[in-house]
């Protein structure tokens, strides 16, 4: 009888001991490494574009009394307005002799906004938007609406009247924000040139 009890209790005791041993153990969750958070790279600060040298964007042909301008609209980091060949707020002046033909190759290199260009007679204050050009054909297409980013335009006009002019963006508000330089049609000039205001 004792032998029978022993043979009955031994497997039960062993099973209970095993169950208690398992219950007492802490089940450790599968150890996955904690995700490593890599900080997102900081956006690169826009690099200011250098101003082109006037000799790069103004070519004169004195024999034929012609000046060719290569004009590009660009933006700079934290600038209030787009710039014409790196200049704004009248920082540069193009001087052309009276009667010379002016040709321009214009490019909107701004990646976000439309722009245009128009020659207007200087008055007391800059207009809100572009209007009638001072010389026949002295404007890009879509003066008020502006041409979209990447667009180009060409124009040719004769600077046949001496005076002071704005070479300005005609999109509403752009010239007031600073997107303009000067054009001087000078009766005493013998060649075209660019004058840059000293800072």
C-alpha atoms as a PDB file:
ATOM      1  CA  UNK A   1       0.000   0.000   0.000  1.00  0.00           C
ATOM      2  CA  UNK A   2       2.799   2.417   0.960  1.00  0.00           C
ATOM      3  CA  UNK A   3       4.588   1.374  -2.187  1.00  0.00           C
ATOM      4  CA  UNK A   4       1.470   2.211  -4.181  1.00  0.00           C
ATOM      5  CA  UNK A   5       1.108   5.657  -2.583  1.00  0.00           C
ATOM      6  CA  UNK A   6       4.749   6.356  -3.225  1.00  0.00           C
ATOM      7  CA  UNK A   7       4.441   5.447  -6.866  1.00  0.00           C
ATOM      8  CA  UNK A   8       1.311   7.605  -7.183  1.00  0.00           C
ATOM      9  CA  UNK A   9       2.649  10.692  -5.357  1.00  0.00           C
ATOM     10  CA  UNK A  10       6.089  10.766  -6.879  1.00  0.00           C
ATOM     11  CA  UNK A  11       4.947  11.674 -10.411  1.00  0.00           C
ATOM     12  CA  UNK A  12       2.361  14.126  -8.994  1.00  0.00           C
ATOM     13  CA  UNK A  13       4.987  15.743  -6.748  1.00  0.00           C
ATOM     14  CA  UNK A  14       7.431  16.001  -9.654  1.00  0.00           C
ATOM     15  CA  UNK A  15       4.728  17.561 -11.864  1.00  0.00           C
ATOM     16  CA  UNK A  16       3.810  20.048  -9.105  1.00  0.00           C
ATOM     17  CA  UNK A  17       7.457  20.964  -8.568  1.00  0.00           C
ATOM     18  CA  UNK A  18       7.941  21.535 -12.276  1.00  0.00           C
ATOM     19  CA  UNK A  19       4.786  23.654 -12.484  1.00  0.00           C
ATOM     20  CA  UNK A  20       5.858  25.731  -9.480  1.00  0.00           C
ATOM     21  CA  UNK A  21       9.320  26.194 -10.942  1.00  0.00           C
ATOM     22  CA  UNK A  22       7.821  27.457 -14.212  1.00  0.00           C
ATOM     23  CA  UNK A  23       5.356  29.731 -12.453  1.00  0.00           C
ATOM     24  CA  UNK A  24       8.093  31.258 -10.342  1.00  0.00           C
ATOM     25  CA  UNK A  25      10.207  32.143 -13.308  1.00  0.00           C
ATOM     26  CA  UNK A  26       9.667  35.522 -14.912  1.00  0.00           C
ATOM     27  CA  UNK A  27       8.958  35.209 -18.570  1.00  0.00           C
ATOM     28  CA  UNK A  28      11.291  37.653 -20.241  1.00  0.00           C
ATOM     29  CA  UNK A  29       9.851  39.186 -23.398  1.00  0.00           C
ATOM     30  CA  UNK A  30      11.848  38.659 -26.502  1.00  0.00           C
ATOM     31  CA  UNK A  31      14.618  41.174 -26.224  1.00  0.00           C
ATOM     32  CA  UNK A  32      14.378  43.476 -29.250  1.00  0.00           C
ATOM     33  CA  UNK A  33      16.834  46.319 -29.416  1.00  0.00           C
ATOM     34  CA  UNK A  34      15.306  49.701 -28.723  1.00  0.00           C
ATOM     35  CA  UNK A  35      14.821  51.623 -31.934  1.00  0.00           C
ATOM     36  CA  UNK A  36      17.593  54.097 -32.541  1.00  0.00           C
ATOM     37  CA  UNK A  37      16.216  57.470 -33.540  1.00  0.00           C
ATOM     38  CA  UNK A  38      18.438  59.162 -36.042  1.00  0.00           C
ATOM     39  CA  UNK A  39      17.885  62.900 -36.136  1.00  0.00           C
ATOM     40  CA  UNK A  40      16.688  64.122 -39.514  1.00  0.00           C
ATOM     41  CA  UNK A  41      19.407  66.010 -41.315  1.00  0.00           C
ATOM     42  CA  UNK A  42      18.934  69.744 -41.066  1.00  0.00           C
ATOM     43  CA  UNK A  43      17.809  71.348 -44.293  1.00  0.00           C
ATOM     44  CA  UNK A  44      20.757  72.964 -45.962  1.00  0.00           C
ATOM     45  CA  UNK A  45      20.572  76.728 -45.765  1.00  0.00           C
ATOM     46  CA  UNK A  46      20.158  78.259 -49.200  1.00  0.00           C
ATOM     47  CA  UNK A  47      23.466  79.521 -50.470  1.00  0.00           C
ATOM     48  CA  UNK A  48      23.421  83.108 -51.716  1.00  0.00           C
ATOM     49  CA  UNK A  49      24.126  83.301 -55.425  1.00  0.00           C
ATOM     50  CA  UNK A  50      27.007  85.571 -56.330  1.00  0.00           C
ATOM     51  CA  UNK A  51      26.183  88.629 -58.394  1.00  0.00           C
ATOM     52  CA  UNK A  52      27.300  88.281 -61.988  1.00  0.00           C
ATOM     53  CA  UNK A  53      29.906  90.768 -63.095  1.00  0.00           C
ATOM     54  CA  UNK A  54      28.391  93.512 -65.280  1.00  0.00           C
ATOM     55  CA  UNK A  55      30.731  92.423 -68.067  1.00  0.00           C
ATOM     56  CA  UNK A  56      28.931  89.045 -67.995  1.00  0.00           C
ATOM     57  CA  UNK A  57      25.476  90.509 -68.571  1.00  0.00           C
ATOM     58  CA  UNK A  58      26.063  93.597 -70.691  1.00  0.00           C
ATOM     59  CA  UNK A  59      27.579  93.394 -74.172  1.00  0.00           C
ATOM     60  CA  UNK A  60      28.028  96.490 -76.321  1.00  0.00           C
ATOM     61  CA  UNK A  61      28.391  96.877 -80.021  1.00  0.00           C
ATOM     62  CA  UNK A  62      29.381 100.525 -80.461  1.00  0.00           C
ATOM     63  CA  UNK A  63      29.635 100.257 -84.249  1.00  0.00           C
ATOM     64  CA  UNK A  64      25.971  99.255 -84.488  1.00  0.00           C
ATOM     65  CA  UNK A  65      24.903 101.281 -81.418  1.00  0.00           C
ATOM     66  CA  UNK A  66      23.454  98.211 -79.737  1.00  0.00           C
ATOM     67  CA  UNK A  67      23.586  96.907 -76.184  1.00  0.00           C
ATOM     68  CA  UNK A  68      22.555  93.351 -75.291  1.00  0.00           C
ATOM     69  CA  UNK A  69      21.506  92.572 -71.718  1.00  0.00           C
ATOM     70  CA  UNK A  70      21.323  89.117 -70.176  1.00  0.00           C
ATOM     71  CA  UNK A  71      18.916  89.515 -67.251  1.00  0.00           C
ATOM     72  CA  UNK A  72      18.035  86.875 -64.683  1.00  0.00           C
ATOM     73  CA  UNK A  73      15.528  87.046 -61.834  1.00  0.00           C
ATOM     74  CA  UNK A  74      16.776  85.234 -58.738  1.00  0.00           C
ATOM     75  CA  UNK A  75      16.003  85.014 -55.038  1.00  0.00           C
ATOM     76  CA  UNK A  76      18.361  85.090 -52.077  1.00  0.00           C
ATOM     77  CA  UNK A  77      17.877  83.663 -48.566  1.00  0.00           C
ATOM     78  CA  UNK A  78      15.825  85.997 -46.357  1.00  0.00           C
ATOM     79  CA  UNK A  79      15.562  88.590 -49.133  1.00  0.00           C
ATOM     80  CA  UNK A  80      12.473  90.792 -49.172  1.00  0.00           C
ATOM     81  CA  UNK A  81      12.160  90.530 -52.935  1.00  0.00           C
ATOM     82  CA  UNK A  82      13.561  88.822 -55.979  1.00  0.00           C
ATOM     83  CA  UNK A  83      16.604  90.431 -57.584  1.00  0.00           C
ATOM     84  CA  UNK A  84      17.560  91.402 -61.105  1.00  0.00           C
ATOM     85  CA  UNK A  85      21.064  90.009 -61.742  1.00  0.00           C
ATOM     86  CA  UNK A  86      21.635  90.084 -57.978  1.00  0.00           C
ATOM     87  CA  UNK A  87      20.518  93.708 -57.533  1.00  0.00           C
ATOM     88  CA  UNK A  88      17.380  95.320 -56.150  1.00  0.00           C
ATOM     89  CA  UNK A  89      16.121  98.659 -54.880  1.00  0.00           C
ATOM     90  CA  UNK A  90      17.999 100.553 -57.597  1.00  0.00           C
ATOM     91  CA  UNK A  91      21.430  99.242 -56.536  1.00  0.00           C
ATOM     92  CA  UNK A  92      22.467  99.022 -60.191  1.00  0.00           C
ATOM     93  CA  UNK A  93      21.966 101.405 -63.100  1.00  0.00           C
ATOM     94  CA  UNK A  94      22.266 100.587 -66.791  1.00  0.00           C
ATOM     95  CA  UNK A  95      23.415 103.611 -68.809  1.00  0.00           C
ATOM     96  CA  UNK A  96      22.646 103.650 -72.532  1.00  0.00           C
ATOM     97  CA  UNK A  97      23.322 106.435 -75.057  1.00  0.00           C
ATOM     98  CA  UNK A  98      20.258 108.033 -76.644  1.00  0.00           C
ATOM     99  CA  UNK A  99      19.189 106.332 -79.846  1.00  0.00           C
ATOM    100  CA  UNK A 100      20.836 102.983 -79.082  1.00  0.00           C
ATOM    101  CA  UNK A 101      19.015  99.712 -79.577  1.00  0.00           C
ATOM    102  CA  UNK A 102      18.570  97.657 -76.409  1.00  0.00           C
ATOM    103  CA  UNK A 103      18.113  93.891 -76.645  1.00  0.00           C
ATOM    104  CA  UNK A 104      17.500  91.722 -73.635  1.00  0.00           C
ATOM    105  CA  UNK A 105      17.428  88.020 -72.946  1.00  0.00           C
ATOM    106  CA  UNK A 106      15.409  87.583 -69.743  1.00  0.00           C
ATOM    107  CA  UNK A 107      15.062  84.471 -67.551  1.00  0.00           C
ATOM    108  CA  UNK A 108      12.902  83.837 -64.477  1.00  0.00           C
ATOM    109  CA  UNK A 109      15.256  81.713 -62.351  1.00  0.00           C
ATOM    110  CA  UNK A 110      13.050  82.037 -59.243  1.00  0.00           C
ATOM    111  CA  UNK A 111      11.727  78.559 -58.430  1.00  0.00           C
ATOM    112  CA  UNK A 112       8.532  79.733 -56.750  1.00  0.00           C
ATOM    113  CA  UNK A 113       7.044  82.942 -58.184  1.00  0.00           C
ATOM    114  CA  UNK A 114       6.100  84.498 -61.516  1.00  0.00           C
ATOM    115  CA  UNK A 115       7.967  87.638 -62.597  1.00  0.00           C
ATOM    116  CA  UNK A 116       8.127  90.071 -65.493  1.00  0.00           C
ATOM    117  CA  UNK A 117      10.116  93.086 -66.640  1.00  0.00           C
ATOM    118  CA  UNK A 118       9.006  96.461 -67.959  1.00  0.00           C
ATOM    119  CA  UNK A 119      10.740  99.811 -68.570  1.00  0.00           C
ATOM    120  CA  UNK A 120       8.734 102.671 -67.054  1.00  0.00           C
ATOM    121  CA  UNK A 121       9.401 106.401 -66.710  1.00  0.00           C
ATOM    122  CA  UNK A 122      10.533 107.318 -63.203  1.00  0.00           C
ATOM    123  CA  UNK A 123       8.013 109.435 -61.341  1.00  0.00           C
ATOM    124  CA  UNK A 124       7.661 110.451 -57.691  1.00  0.00           C
ATOM    125  CA  UNK A 125       7.133 106.899 -56.491  1.00  0.00           C
ATOM    126  CA  UNK A 126       7.194 103.348 -57.778  1.00  0.00           C
ATOM    127  CA  UNK A 127       3.859 102.091 -59.088  1.00  0.00           C
ATOM    128  CA  UNK A 128       2.097  99.119 -57.501  1.00  0.00           C
ATOM    129  CA  UNK A 129       2.286  97.194 -60.778  1.00  0.00           C
ATOM    130  CA  UNK A 130       3.635  97.419 -64.296  1.00  0.00           C
ATOM    131  CA  UNK A 131       1.918  99.589 -66.864  1.00  0.00           C
ATOM    132  CA  UNK A 132       2.549 101.019 -70.281  1.00  0.00           C
ATOM    133  CA  UNK A 133       6.235 100.713 -71.225  1.00  0.00           C
ATOM    134  CA  UNK A 134       8.242 103.877 -71.817  1.00  0.00           C
ATOM    135  CA  UNK A 135       9.496 102.544 -75.177  1.00  0.00           C
ATOM    136  CA  UNK A 136       7.670 100.412 -77.696  1.00  0.00           C
ATOM    137  CA  UNK A 137       8.246  96.722 -76.882  1.00  0.00           C
ATOM    138  CA  UNK A 138      10.265  97.447 -73.680  1.00  0.00           C
ATOM    139  CA  UNK A 139       8.597  94.678 -71.661  1.00  0.00           C
ATOM    140  CA  UNK A 140       8.267  90.937 -71.283  1.00  0.00           C
ATOM    141  CA  UNK A 141       5.035  89.113 -72.051  1.00  0.00           C
ATOM    142  CA  UNK A 142       2.398  88.992 -69.282  1.00  0.00           C
ATOM    143  CA  UNK A 143       3.677  92.053 -67.417  1.00  0.00           C
ATOM    144  CA  UNK A 144       1.003  91.980 -64.684  1.00  0.00           C
ATOM    145  CA  UNK A 145       0.577  88.187 -64.338  1.00  0.00           C
ATOM    146  CA  UNK A 146       4.289  87.440 -64.703  1.00  0.00           C
ATOM    147  CA  UNK A 147       5.914  84.528 -66.452  1.00  0.00           C
ATOM    148  CA  UNK A 148       6.161  81.273 -64.443  1.00  0.00           C
ATOM    149  CA  UNK A 149       9.443  79.954 -62.983  1.00  0.00           C
ATOM    150  CA  UNK A 150      11.860  78.781 -65.663  1.00  0.00           C
ATOM    151  CA  UNK A 151      10.343  80.902 -68.431  1.00  0.00           C
ATOM    152  CA  UNK A 152      12.408  83.141 -70.705  1.00  0.00           C
ATOM    153  CA  UNK A 153      11.615  86.104 -72.921  1.00  0.00           C
ATOM    154  CA  UNK A 154      13.401  88.375 -75.374  1.00  0.00           C
ATOM    155  CA  UNK A 155      12.756  91.942 -76.376  1.00  0.00           C
ATOM    156  CA  UNK A 156      14.276  94.663 -78.522  1.00  0.00           C
ATOM    157  CA  UNK A 157      13.541  98.372 -78.300  1.00  0.00           C
ATOM    158  CA  UNK A 158      15.148 101.694 -79.215  1.00  0.00           C
ATOM    159  CA  UNK A 159      16.027 103.992 -76.297  1.00  0.00           C
ATOM    160  CA  UNK A 160      15.119 107.089 -78.281  1.00  0.00           C
ATOM    161  CA  UNK A 161      14.297 109.489 -75.463  1.00  0.00           C
ATOM    162  CA  UNK A 162      16.728 110.693 -72.789  1.00  0.00           C
ATOM    163  CA  UNK A 163      15.623 110.281 -69.203  1.00  0.00           C
ATOM    164  CA  UNK A 164      15.510 108.175 -66.050  1.00  0.00           C
ATOM    165  CA  UNK A 165      13.592 104.904 -66.083  1.00  0.00           C
ATOM    166  CA  UNK A 166      12.770 101.983 -63.841  1.00  0.00           C
ATOM    167  CA  UNK A 167      13.604  98.511 -65.107  1.00  0.00           C
ATOM    168  CA  UNK A 168      11.107  96.766 -62.842  1.00  0.00           C
ATOM    169  CA  UNK A 169       8.984  93.694 -62.290  1.00  0.00           C
ATOM    170  CA  UNK A 170       5.383  94.452 -63.253  1.00  0.00           C
ATOM    171  CA  UNK A 171       3.759  91.815 -61.014  1.00  0.00           C
ATOM    172  CA  UNK A 172       1.723  93.689 -58.363  1.00  0.00           C
ATOM    173  CA  UNK A 173       3.826  94.529 -55.304  1.00  0.00           C
ATOM    174  CA  UNK A 174       7.122  93.138 -56.615  1.00  0.00           C
ATOM    175  CA  UNK A 175       8.741  96.474 -57.524  1.00  0.00           C
ATOM    176  CA  UNK A 176       7.548  98.042 -54.255  1.00  0.00           C
ATOM    177  CA  UNK A 177       9.271  95.180 -52.416  1.00  0.00           C
ATOM    178  CA  UNK A 178      12.540  96.021 -54.213  1.00  0.00           C
ATOM    179  CA  UNK A 179      12.555  94.208 -57.561  1.00  0.00           C
ATOM    180  CA  UNK A 180      13.849  97.066 -59.713  1.00  0.00           C
ATOM    181  CA  UNK A 181      17.021  98.641 -61.052  1.00  0.00           C
ATOM    182  CA  UNK A 182      17.515 101.848 -63.037  1.00  0.00           C
ATOM    183  CA  UNK A 183      17.912 102.582 -66.712  1.00  0.00           C
ATOM    184  CA  UNK A 184      19.451 105.923 -67.673  1.00  0.00           C
ATOM    185  CA  UNK A 185      19.203 106.967 -71.299  1.00  0.00           C
ATOM    186  CA  UNK A 186      21.988 109.509 -71.365  1.00  0.00           C
ATOM    187  CA  UNK A 187      22.490 112.058 -74.171  1.00  0.00           C
ATOM    188  CA  UNK A 188      26.142 112.478 -73.164  1.00  0.00           C
ATOM    189  CA  UNK A 189      27.073 108.783 -72.960  1.00  0.00           C
ATOM    190  CA  UNK A 190      29.144 107.338 -75.778  1.00  0.00           C
ATOM    191  CA  UNK A 191      28.860 103.678 -74.737  1.00  0.00           C
ATOM    192  CA  UNK A 192      26.639 101.506 -72.587  1.00  0.00           C
ATOM    193  CA  UNK A 193      27.747 100.549 -69.074  1.00  0.00           C
ATOM    194  CA  UNK A 194      26.531  99.385 -65.682  1.00  0.00           C
ATOM    195  CA  UNK A 195      26.990 101.548 -62.603  1.00  0.00           C
ATOM    196  CA  UNK A 196      26.734  99.918 -59.187  1.00  0.00           C
ATOM    197  CA  UNK A 197      25.958 101.939 -56.074  1.00  0.00           C
ATOM    198  CA  UNK A 198      28.601 101.688 -53.385  1.00  0.00           C
ATOM    199  CA  UNK A 199      27.344 100.004 -50.211  1.00  0.00           C
END
